[in-house]
Amino acid sequence: MRRIAAFTLALGLVWTVPALAQSLRDLPFDKQMKLAKVGDVDAQFEVGLAFETGKGARQDEAEAARWFRQSALQGNVEAQFHLARLVARGAKGLKQDLPTALKLYQDAAGKGHPQAMNALGQAYQAGKGAAADAAKAAEWYRKAAELKLADAENNLGMLYLEGKGVSRDLAQAFKLFERAAGQNDAWGLNNLGGMYEMGWGTPADKDKALALYRKALAAGNQQAQQNIDRLSGAAQPASAQ
């Protein structure tokens, strides 16, 4: 997480799971495993997810990667994305392999997976698996933002705010944070609050900033409390006069 000026902004990545058939999702793990073993691609993903999260099975990330790989080989792009995440961080029992993770993200992103696009942007921004390239990061964040992924909207907004990989454009940063906030995204709400507090891309409005920070906290952004405390404290002397 980064602190920009007087308020906290951050990149983020939210991991989501596709909506699979309810009957498959609700099956006991042993039945999911039976289906996975006979080649059911969605069951293979569910088994991998159970091993990854420890819900329904013992947590075993290496075993999760094995099942994600099998599912991915049959075309399950969500499994490919989950496999890339495990490989990227060198999950327990796996060797970290950033170039391979990058290739997996690239392939999933090419198939239209928004979280993979965002992850690919993060990889290029941080130089993980490839040379750091803020312009490429912006390109992939933009593709994911066009698919209304709030994390990518925040990440691209940060690049516009800082002028990295794109020309600095506070108005564009404001619009992107506003779009993320419109989805009740915790960081989008916080970042939009920061723009109102600082008067970046919009007239300064401390009351709107405080309201947005409070919404961010309610949405689960605990760091927003620091912004609330600071703004509330700053307002006390003025109200006491």
C-alpha atoms as a PDB file:
ATOM      1  CA  MET A   1       0.000   0.000   0.000  1.00  0.00           C
ATOM      2  CA  ARG A   2       1.240   3.474  -0.764  1.00  0.00           C
ATOM      3  CA  ARG A   3       0.683   6.758   0.974  1.00  0.00           C
ATOM      4  CA  ILE A   4       0.199   9.632  -1.452  1.00  0.00           C
ATOM      5  CA  ALA A   5       0.257  13.124   0.052  1.00  0.00           C
ATOM      6  CA  ALA A   6      -1.930  13.080   3.152  1.00  0.00           C
ATOM      7  CA  PHE A   7      -4.121  10.117   2.348  1.00  0.00           C
ATOM      8  CA  THR A   8      -3.708   6.430   1.673  1.00  0.00           C
ATOM      9  CA  LEU A   9      -4.028   5.029  -1.830  1.00  0.00           C
ATOM     10  CA  ALA A  10      -3.292   1.522  -2.953  1.00  0.00           C
ATOM     11  CA  LEU A  11      -3.175  -1.023  -5.700  1.00  0.00           C
ATOM     12  CA  GLY A  12      -5.296  -4.005  -5.188  1.00  0.00           C
ATOM     13  CA  LEU A  13      -6.352  -7.300  -6.499  1.00  0.00           C
ATOM     14  CA  VAL A  14      -9.514  -9.029  -5.685  1.00  0.00           C
ATOM     15  CA  TRP A  15      -9.664 -12.752  -6.391  1.00  0.00           C
ATOM     16  CA  THR A  16     -13.026 -13.955  -7.654  1.00  0.00           C
ATOM     17  CA  VAL A  17     -14.475 -17.371  -8.432  1.00  0.00           C
ATOM     18  CA  PRO A  18     -16.762 -17.978 -11.402  1.00  0.00           C
ATOM     19  CA  ALA A  19     -20.395 -18.925 -10.920  1.00  0.00           C
ATOM     20  CA  LEU A  20     -20.440 -22.642 -11.667  1.00  0.00           C
ATOM     21  CA  ALA A  21     -23.425 -24.951 -11.652  1.00  0.00           C
ATOM     22  CA  GLN A  22     -24.967 -24.824  -8.195  1.00  0.00           C
ATOM     23  CA  SER A  23     -25.269 -28.611  -8.044  1.00  0.00           C
ATOM     24  CA  LEU A  24     -21.517 -29.037  -8.634  1.00  0.00           C
ATOM     25  CA  ARG A  25     -20.559 -26.327  -6.153  1.00  0.00           C
ATOM     26  CA  ASP A  26     -22.716 -27.943  -3.471  1.00  0.00           C
ATOM     27  CA  LEU A  27     -21.494 -31.493  -3.989  1.00  0.00           C
ATOM     28  CA  PRO A  28     -19.407 -33.030  -1.194  1.00  0.00           C
ATOM     29  CA  PHE A  29     -15.691 -32.976  -1.873  1.00  0.00           C
ATOM     30  CA  ASP A  30     -15.452 -36.745  -2.408  1.00  0.00           C
ATOM     31  CA  LYS A  31     -18.033 -36.557  -5.203  1.00  0.00           C
ATOM     32  CA  GLN A  32     -16.293 -33.579  -6.758  1.00  0.00           C
ATOM     33  CA  MET A  33     -13.084 -35.606  -6.685  1.00  0.00           C
ATOM     34  CA  LYS A  34     -14.734 -38.548  -8.445  1.00  0.00           C
ATOM     35  CA  LEU A  35     -15.901 -36.254 -11.236  1.00  0.00           C
ATOM     36  CA  ALA A  36     -12.495 -34.583 -11.414  1.00  0.00           C
ATOM     37  CA  LYS A  37     -10.737 -37.917 -11.794  1.00  0.00           C
ATOM     38  CA  VAL A  38     -12.869 -38.828 -14.816  1.00  0.00           C
ATOM     39  CA  GLY A  39     -12.017 -35.517 -16.467  1.00  0.00           C
ATOM     40  CA  ASP A  40     -14.817 -33.106 -15.540  1.00  0.00           C
ATOM     41  CA  VAL A  41     -13.114 -29.747 -16.118  1.00  0.00           C
ATOM     42  CA  ASP A  42     -15.282 -27.769 -13.679  1.00  0.00           C
ATOM     43  CA  ALA A  43     -14.946 -30.423 -10.993  1.00  0.00           C
ATOM     44  CA  GLN A  44     -11.175 -30.268 -11.413  1.00  0.00           C
ATOM     45  CA  PHE A  45     -11.326 -26.551 -10.769  1.00  0.00           C
ATOM     46  CA  GLU A  46     -13.536 -27.051  -7.698  1.00  0.00           C
ATOM     47  CA  VAL A  47     -11.146 -29.668  -6.311  1.00  0.00           C
ATOM     48  CA  GLY A  48      -8.228 -27.301  -6.878  1.00  0.00           C
ATOM     49  CA  LEU A  49     -10.120 -24.531  -5.127  1.00  0.00           C
ATOM     50  CA  ALA A  50     -10.856 -26.794  -2.147  1.00  0.00           C
ATOM     51  CA  PHE A  51      -7.162 -27.650  -1.808  1.00  0.00           C
ATOM     52  CA  GLU A  52      -6.168 -24.001  -2.260  1.00  0.00           C
ATOM     53  CA  THR A  53      -8.532 -22.630   0.388  1.00  0.00           C
ATOM     54  CA  GLY A  54      -8.712 -25.588   2.750  1.00  0.00           C
ATOM     55  CA  LYS A  55     -12.501 -25.519   2.512  1.00  0.00           C
ATOM     56  CA  GLY A  56     -13.807 -29.039   2.062  1.00  0.00           C
ATOM     57  CA  ALA A  57     -10.331 -30.562   1.973  1.00  0.00           C
ATOM     58  CA  ARG A  58      -6.986 -30.224   3.695  1.00  0.00           C
ATOM     59  CA  GLN A  59      -5.105 -27.169   2.502  1.00  0.00           C
ATOM     60  CA  ASP A  60      -2.439 -28.238   0.044  1.00  0.00           C
ATOM     61  CA  GLU A  61      -1.392 -25.611  -2.481  1.00  0.00           C
ATOM     62  CA  ALA A  62       0.818 -27.956  -4.452  1.00  0.00           C
ATOM     63  CA  GLU A  63      -2.135 -30.307  -4.912  1.00  0.00           C
ATOM     64  CA  ALA A  64      -4.320 -27.330  -5.788  1.00  0.00           C
ATOM     65  CA  ALA A  65      -1.858 -26.372  -8.514  1.00  0.00           C
ATOM     66  CA  ARG A  66      -1.961 -29.919  -9.897  1.00  0.00           C
ATOM     67  CA  TRP A  67      -5.740 -29.818 -10.287  1.00  0.00           C
ATOM     68  CA  PHE A  68      -5.781 -26.267 -11.589  1.00  0.00           C
ATOM     69  CA  ARG A  69      -3.242 -27.324 -14.198  1.00  0.00           C
ATOM     70  CA  GLN A  70      -5.405 -30.231 -15.333  1.00  0.00           C
ATOM     71  CA  SER A  71      -8.453 -27.989 -15.561  1.00  0.00           C
ATOM     72  CA  ALA A  72      -6.485 -25.281 -17.370  1.00  0.00           C
ATOM     73  CA  LEU A  73      -5.236 -27.790 -19.945  1.00  0.00           C
ATOM     74  CA  GLN A  74      -8.879 -28.436 -20.800  1.00  0.00           C
ATOM     75  CA  GLY A  75      -9.518 -24.748 -21.337  1.00  0.00           C
ATOM     76  CA  ASN A  76     -10.734 -23.514 -17.944  1.00  0.00           C
ATOM     77  CA  VAL A  77      -9.387 -19.961 -17.897  1.00  0.00           C
ATOM     78  CA  GLU A  78     -10.286 -19.420 -14.238  1.00  0.00           C
ATOM     79  CA  ALA A  79      -8.159 -22.427 -13.299  1.00  0.00           C
ATOM     80  CA  GLN A  80      -5.341 -20.974 -15.370  1.00  0.00           C
ATOM     81  CA  PHE A  81      -5.598 -17.702 -13.459  1.00  0.00           C
ATOM     82  CA  HIS A  82      -5.537 -19.468 -10.084  1.00  0.00           C
ATOM     83  CA  LEU A  83      -2.552 -21.536 -11.181  1.00  0.00           C
ATOM     84  CA  ALA A  84      -0.727 -18.368 -12.228  1.00  0.00           C
ATOM     85  CA  ARG A  85      -1.302 -16.829  -8.798  1.00  0.00           C
ATOM     86  CA  LEU A  86       0.125 -19.846  -7.017  1.00  0.00           C
ATOM     87  CA  VAL A  87       3.165 -19.993  -9.282  1.00  0.00           C
ATOM     88  CA  ALA A  88       3.722 -16.228  -9.028  1.00  0.00           C
ATOM     89  CA  ARG A  89       4.075 -16.264  -5.271  1.00  0.00           C
ATOM     90  CA  GLY A  90       5.743 -19.639  -4.945  1.00  0.00           C
ATOM     91  CA  ALA A  91       2.953 -21.153  -2.902  1.00  0.00           C
ATOM     92  CA  LYS A  92       3.801 -23.795  -0.322  1.00  0.00           C
ATOM     93  CA  GLY A  93       5.245 -26.825  -2.090  1.00  0.00           C
ATOM     94  CA  LEU A  94       5.796 -24.888  -5.322  1.00  0.00           C
ATOM     95  CA  LYS A  95       8.812 -23.092  -6.710  1.00  0.00           C
ATOM     96  CA  GLN A  96       8.224 -19.451  -7.534  1.00  0.00           C
ATOM     97  CA  ASP A  97       8.409 -19.004 -11.291  1.00  0.00           C
ATOM     98  CA  LEU A  98       7.571 -15.436 -12.320  1.00  0.00           C
ATOM     99  CA  PRO A  99       8.174 -15.874 -16.089  1.00  0.00           C
ATOM    100  CA  THR A 100       5.801 -18.868 -16.167  1.00  0.00           C
ATOM    101  CA  ALA A 101       3.224 -16.971 -14.132  1.00  0.00           C
ATOM    102  CA  LEU A 102       3.512 -14.082 -16.580  1.00  0.00           C
ATOM    103  CA  LYS A 103       2.855 -16.418 -19.521  1.00  0.00           C
ATOM    104  CA  LEU A 104      -0.176 -17.883 -17.778  1.00  0.00           C
ATOM    105  CA  TYR A 105      -1.538 -14.410 -17.066  1.00  0.00           C
ATOM    106  CA  GLN A 106      -0.893 -13.387 -20.675  1.00  0.00           C
ATOM    107  CA  ASP A 107      -2.781 -16.374 -22.024  1.00  0.00           C
ATOM    108  CA  ALA A 108      -5.722 -15.894 -19.647  1.00  0.00           C
ATOM    109  CA  ALA A 109      -5.789 -12.162 -20.358  1.00  0.00           C
ATOM    110  CA  GLY A 110      -5.828 -12.904 -24.077  1.00  0.00           C
ATOM    111  CA  LYS A 111      -8.969 -14.940 -23.481  1.00  0.00           C
ATOM    112  CA  GLY A 112     -10.689 -11.959 -21.899  1.00  0.00           C
ATOM    113  CA  HIS A 113     -10.159 -12.714 -18.192  1.00  0.00           C
ATOM    114  CA  PRO A 114     -10.272  -9.297 -16.442  1.00  0.00           C
ATOM    115  CA  GLN A 115      -8.466 -10.337 -13.253  1.00  0.00           C
ATOM    116  CA  ALA A 116      -5.666 -11.806 -15.356  1.00  0.00           C
ATOM    117  CA  MET A 117      -5.440  -8.528 -17.271  1.00  0.00           C
ATOM    118  CA  ASN A 118      -5.119  -6.666 -13.978  1.00  0.00           C
ATOM    119  CA  ALA A 119      -2.540  -9.126 -12.653  1.00  0.00           C
ATOM    120  CA  LEU A 120      -0.586  -8.774 -15.887  1.00  0.00           C
ATOM    121  CA  GLY A 121      -0.619  -5.014 -15.426  1.00  0.00           C
ATOM    122  CA  GLN A 122       0.714  -5.423 -11.907  1.00  0.00           C
ATOM    123  CA  ALA A 123       3.450  -7.760 -13.127  1.00  0.00           C
ATOM    124  CA  TYR A 124       4.609  -5.221 -15.708  1.00  0.00           C
ATOM    125  CA  GLN A 125       4.388  -2.362 -13.238  1.00  0.00           C
ATOM    126  CA  ALA A 126       6.465  -4.194 -10.642  1.00  0.00           C
ATOM    127  CA  GLY A 127       8.804  -5.884 -13.122  1.00  0.00           C
ATOM    128  CA  LYS A 128       7.864  -9.388 -12.003  1.00  0.00           C
ATOM    129  CA  GLY A 129       8.549 -11.911 -14.726  1.00  0.00           C
ATOM    130  CA  ALA A 130       9.432  -9.213 -17.263  1.00  0.00           C
ATOM    131  CA  ALA A 131      11.170  -5.860 -17.384  1.00  0.00           C
ATOM    132  CA  ALA A 132       9.216  -3.141 -15.604  1.00  0.00           C
ATOM    133  CA  ASP A 133       7.105  -1.245 -18.116  1.00  0.00           C
ATOM    134  CA  ALA A 134       4.584   1.260 -16.778  1.00  0.00           C
ATOM    135  CA  ALA A 135       3.124   1.867 -20.250  1.00  0.00           C
ATOM    136  CA  LYS A 136       2.346  -1.837 -20.677  1.00  0.00           C
ATOM    137  CA  ALA A 137       0.935  -1.888 -17.166  1.00  0.00           C
ATOM    138  CA  ALA A 138      -1.387   0.974 -18.083  1.00  0.00           C
ATOM    139  CA  GLU A 139      -2.422  -0.832 -21.261  1.00  0.00           C
ATOM    140  CA  TRP A 140      -3.521  -3.939 -19.375  1.00  0.00           C
ATOM    141  CA  TYR A 141      -5.143  -2.015 -16.540  1.00  0.00           C
ATOM    142  CA  ARG A 142      -7.139  -0.124 -19.173  1.00  0.00           C
ATOM    143  CA  LYS A 143      -8.343  -3.345 -20.805  1.00  0.00           C
ATOM    144  CA  ALA A 144      -9.524  -4.674 -17.436  1.00  0.00           C
ATOM    145  CA  ALA A 145     -11.030  -1.312 -16.473  1.00  0.00           C
ATOM    146  CA  GLU A 146     -13.041  -1.364 -19.692  1.00  0.00           C
ATOM    147  CA  LEU A 147     -14.550  -4.596 -18.356  1.00  0.00           C
ATOM    148  CA  LYS A 148     -15.477  -2.675 -15.177  1.00  0.00           C
ATOM    149  CA  LEU A 149     -12.986  -4.391 -12.869  1.00  0.00           C
ATOM    150  CA  ALA A 150     -12.734  -2.058  -9.889  1.00  0.00           C
ATOM    151  CA  ASP A 151      -9.184  -3.084  -8.998  1.00  0.00           C
ATOM    152  CA  ALA A 152      -7.977  -2.167 -12.475  1.00  0.00           C
ATOM    153  CA  GLU A 153      -9.834   1.144 -12.307  1.00  0.00           C
ATOM    154  CA  ASN A 154      -7.976   1.915  -9.082  1.00  0.00           C
ATOM    155  CA  ASN A 155      -4.632   0.806 -10.483  1.00  0.00           C
ATOM    156  CA  LEU A 156      -5.007   2.799 -13.680  1.00  0.00           C
ATOM    157  CA  GLY A 157      -6.201   5.764 -11.644  1.00  0.00           C
ATOM    158  CA  MET A 158      -3.009   5.593  -9.616  1.00  0.00           C
ATOM    159  CA  LEU A 159      -0.913   5.710 -12.781  1.00  0.00           C
ATOM    160  CA  TYR A 160      -2.789   8.799 -13.968  1.00  0.00           C
ATOM    161  CA  LEU A 161      -2.407  10.347 -10.528  1.00  0.00           C
ATOM    162  CA  GLU A 162       1.351   9.801 -10.535  1.00  0.00           C
ATOM    163  CA  GLY A 163       1.968  10.228 -14.261  1.00  0.00           C
ATOM    164  CA  LYS A 164       3.538   6.795 -14.669  1.00  0.00           C
ATOM    165  CA  GLY A 165       3.162   5.115 -18.061  1.00  0.00           C
ATOM    166  CA  VAL A 166       0.634   7.807 -18.985  1.00  0.00           C
ATOM    167  CA  SER A 167       0.555  11.585 -18.886  1.00  0.00           C
ATOM    168  CA  ARG A 168      -0.443  12.853 -15.455  1.00  0.00           C
ATOM    169  CA  ASP A 169      -4.158  13.569 -15.559  1.00  0.00           C
ATOM    170  CA  LEU A 170      -5.933  14.266 -12.276  1.00  0.00           C
ATOM    171  CA  ALA A 171      -9.340  14.509 -13.926  1.00  0.00           C
ATOM    172  CA  GLN A 172      -8.916  11.044 -15.444  1.00  0.00           C
ATOM    173  CA  ALA A 173      -7.714   9.645 -12.122  1.00  0.00           C
ATOM    174  CA  PHE A 174     -10.790  11.124 -10.462  1.00  0.00           C
ATOM    175  CA  LYS A 175     -13.093   9.500 -13.038  1.00  0.00           C
ATOM    176  CA  LEU A 176     -11.497   6.095 -12.564  1.00  0.00           C
ATOM    177  CA  PHE A 177     -11.684   6.244  -8.778  1.00  0.00           C
ATOM    178  CA  GLU A 178     -15.285   7.419  -9.108  1.00  0.00           C
ATOM    179  CA  ARG A 179     -16.099   4.396 -11.266  1.00  0.00           C
ATOM    180  CA  ALA A 180     -14.543   2.034  -8.722  1.00  0.00           C
ATOM    181  CA  ALA A 181     -16.347   3.771  -5.870  1.00  0.00           C
ATOM    182  CA  GLY A 182     -19.598   3.386  -7.798  1.00  0.00           C
ATOM    183  CA  GLN A 183     -19.154  -0.370  -7.367  1.00  0.00           C
ATOM    184  CA  ASN A 184     -18.770   0.144  -3.608  1.00  0.00           C
ATOM    185  CA  ASP A 185     -15.135  -0.876  -3.931  1.00  0.00           C
ATOM    186  CA  ALA A 186     -13.374  -0.165  -0.634  1.00  0.00           C
ATOM    187  CA  TRP A 187     -10.225   1.300  -2.197  1.00  0.00           C
ATOM    188  CA  GLY A 188     -12.179   3.186  -4.836  1.00  0.00           C
ATOM    189  CA  LEU A 189     -14.193   4.897  -2.099  1.00  0.00           C
ATOM    190  CA  ASN A 190     -11.028   5.694  -0.146  1.00  0.00           C
ATOM    191  CA  ASN A 191      -9.146   6.976  -3.191  1.00  0.00           C
ATOM    192  CA  LEU A 192     -12.073   9.115  -4.310  1.00  0.00           C
ATOM    193  CA  GLY A 193     -12.205  10.536  -0.799  1.00  0.00           C
ATOM    194  CA  GLY A 194      -8.547  11.452  -1.143  1.00  0.00           C
ATOM    195  CA  MET A 195      -9.209  13.292  -4.380  1.00  0.00           C
ATOM    196  CA  TYR A 196     -11.945  15.347  -2.733  1.00  0.00           C
ATOM    197  CA  GLU A 197      -9.743  16.007   0.291  1.00  0.00           C
ATOM    198  CA  MET A 198      -6.848  17.274  -1.805  1.00  0.00           C
ATOM    199  CA  GLY A 199      -8.931  18.953  -4.506  1.00  0.00           C
ATOM    200  CA  TRP A 200      -7.352  16.832  -7.242  1.00  0.00           C
ATOM    201  CA  GLY A 201      -9.480  16.573 -10.383  1.00  0.00           C
ATOM    202  CA  THR A 202     -12.387  18.141  -8.515  1.00  0.00           C
ATOM    203  CA  PRO A 203     -13.000  21.074  -6.154  1.00  0.00           C
ATOM    204  CA  ALA A 204     -11.850  20.274  -2.627  1.00  0.00           C
ATOM    205  CA  ASP A 205     -14.677  19.135  -0.358  1.00  0.00           C
ATOM    206  CA  LYS A 206     -13.671  17.874   3.080  1.00  0.00           C
ATOM    207  CA  ASP A 207     -17.212  16.801   3.956  1.00  0.00           C
ATOM    208  CA  LYS A 208     -17.484  14.613   0.859  1.00  0.00           C
ATOM    209  CA  ALA A 209     -14.025  13.240   1.566  1.00  0.00           C
ATOM    210  CA  LEU A 210     -14.991  12.291   5.108  1.00  0.00           C
ATOM    211  CA  ALA A 211     -18.230  10.670   3.957  1.00  0.00           C
ATOM    212  CA  LEU A 212     -16.336   8.613   1.386  1.00  0.00           C
ATOM    213  CA  TYR A 213     -13.710   7.545   3.898  1.00  0.00           C
ATOM    214  CA  ARG A 214     -16.509   6.347   6.174  1.00  0.00           C
ATOM    215  CA  LYS A 215     -18.066   4.383   3.312  1.00  0.00           C
ATOM    216  CA  ALA A 216     -14.653   2.882   2.567  1.00  0.00           C
ATOM    217  CA  LEU A 217     -14.326   1.766   6.174  1.00  0.00           C
ATOM    218  CA  ALA A 218     -17.817   0.254   6.104  1.00  0.00           C
ATOM    219  CA  ALA A 219     -16.842  -1.583   2.902  1.00  0.00           C
ATOM    220  CA  GLY A 220     -13.882  -3.165   4.703  1.00  0.00           C
ATOM    221  CA  ASN A 221     -10.970  -0.772   4.152  1.00  0.00           C
ATOM    222  CA  GLN A 222      -9.478  -0.539   7.623  1.00  0.00           C
ATOM    223  CA  GLN A 223      -6.831   1.979   6.534  1.00  0.00           C
ATOM    224  CA  ALA A 224      -9.603   4.465   5.834  1.00  0.00           C
ATOM    225  CA  GLN A 225      -9.869   4.903   9.616  1.00  0.00           C
ATOM    226  CA  GLN A 226      -6.595   6.846   9.572  1.00  0.00           C
ATOM    227  CA  ASN A 227      -8.081   9.271   7.080  1.00  0.00           C
ATOM    228  CA  ILE A 228     -11.263   9.600   9.129  1.00  0.00           C
ATOM    229  CA  ASP A 229      -9.288  10.288  12.301  1.00  0.00           C
ATOM    230  CA  ARG A 230      -7.122  12.867  10.578  1.00  0.00           C
ATOM    231  CA  LEU A 231      -9.986  14.748   8.961  1.00  0.00           C
ATOM    232  CA  SER A 232     -12.179  14.555  12.056  1.00  0.00           C
ATOM    233  CA  GLY A 233      -9.309  15.819  14.192  1.00  0.00           C
ATOM    234  CA  ALA A 234      -8.569  18.655  11.780  1.00  0.00           C
ATOM    235  CA  ALA A 235     -12.214  19.721  11.873  1.00  0.00           C
ATOM    236  CA  GLN A 236     -12.456  19.895  15.671  1.00  0.00           C
ATOM    237  CA  PRO A 237     -10.501  23.128  16.271  1.00  0.00           C
ATOM    238  CA  ALA A 238     -12.417  24.934  13.530  1.00  0.00           C
ATOM    239  CA  SER A 239     -15.789  23.879  14.939  1.00  0.00           C
ATOM    240  CA  ALA A 240     -14.730  24.848  18.447  1.00  0.00           C
ATOM    241  CA  GLN A 241     -13.985  28.438  17.411  1.00  0.00           C
END
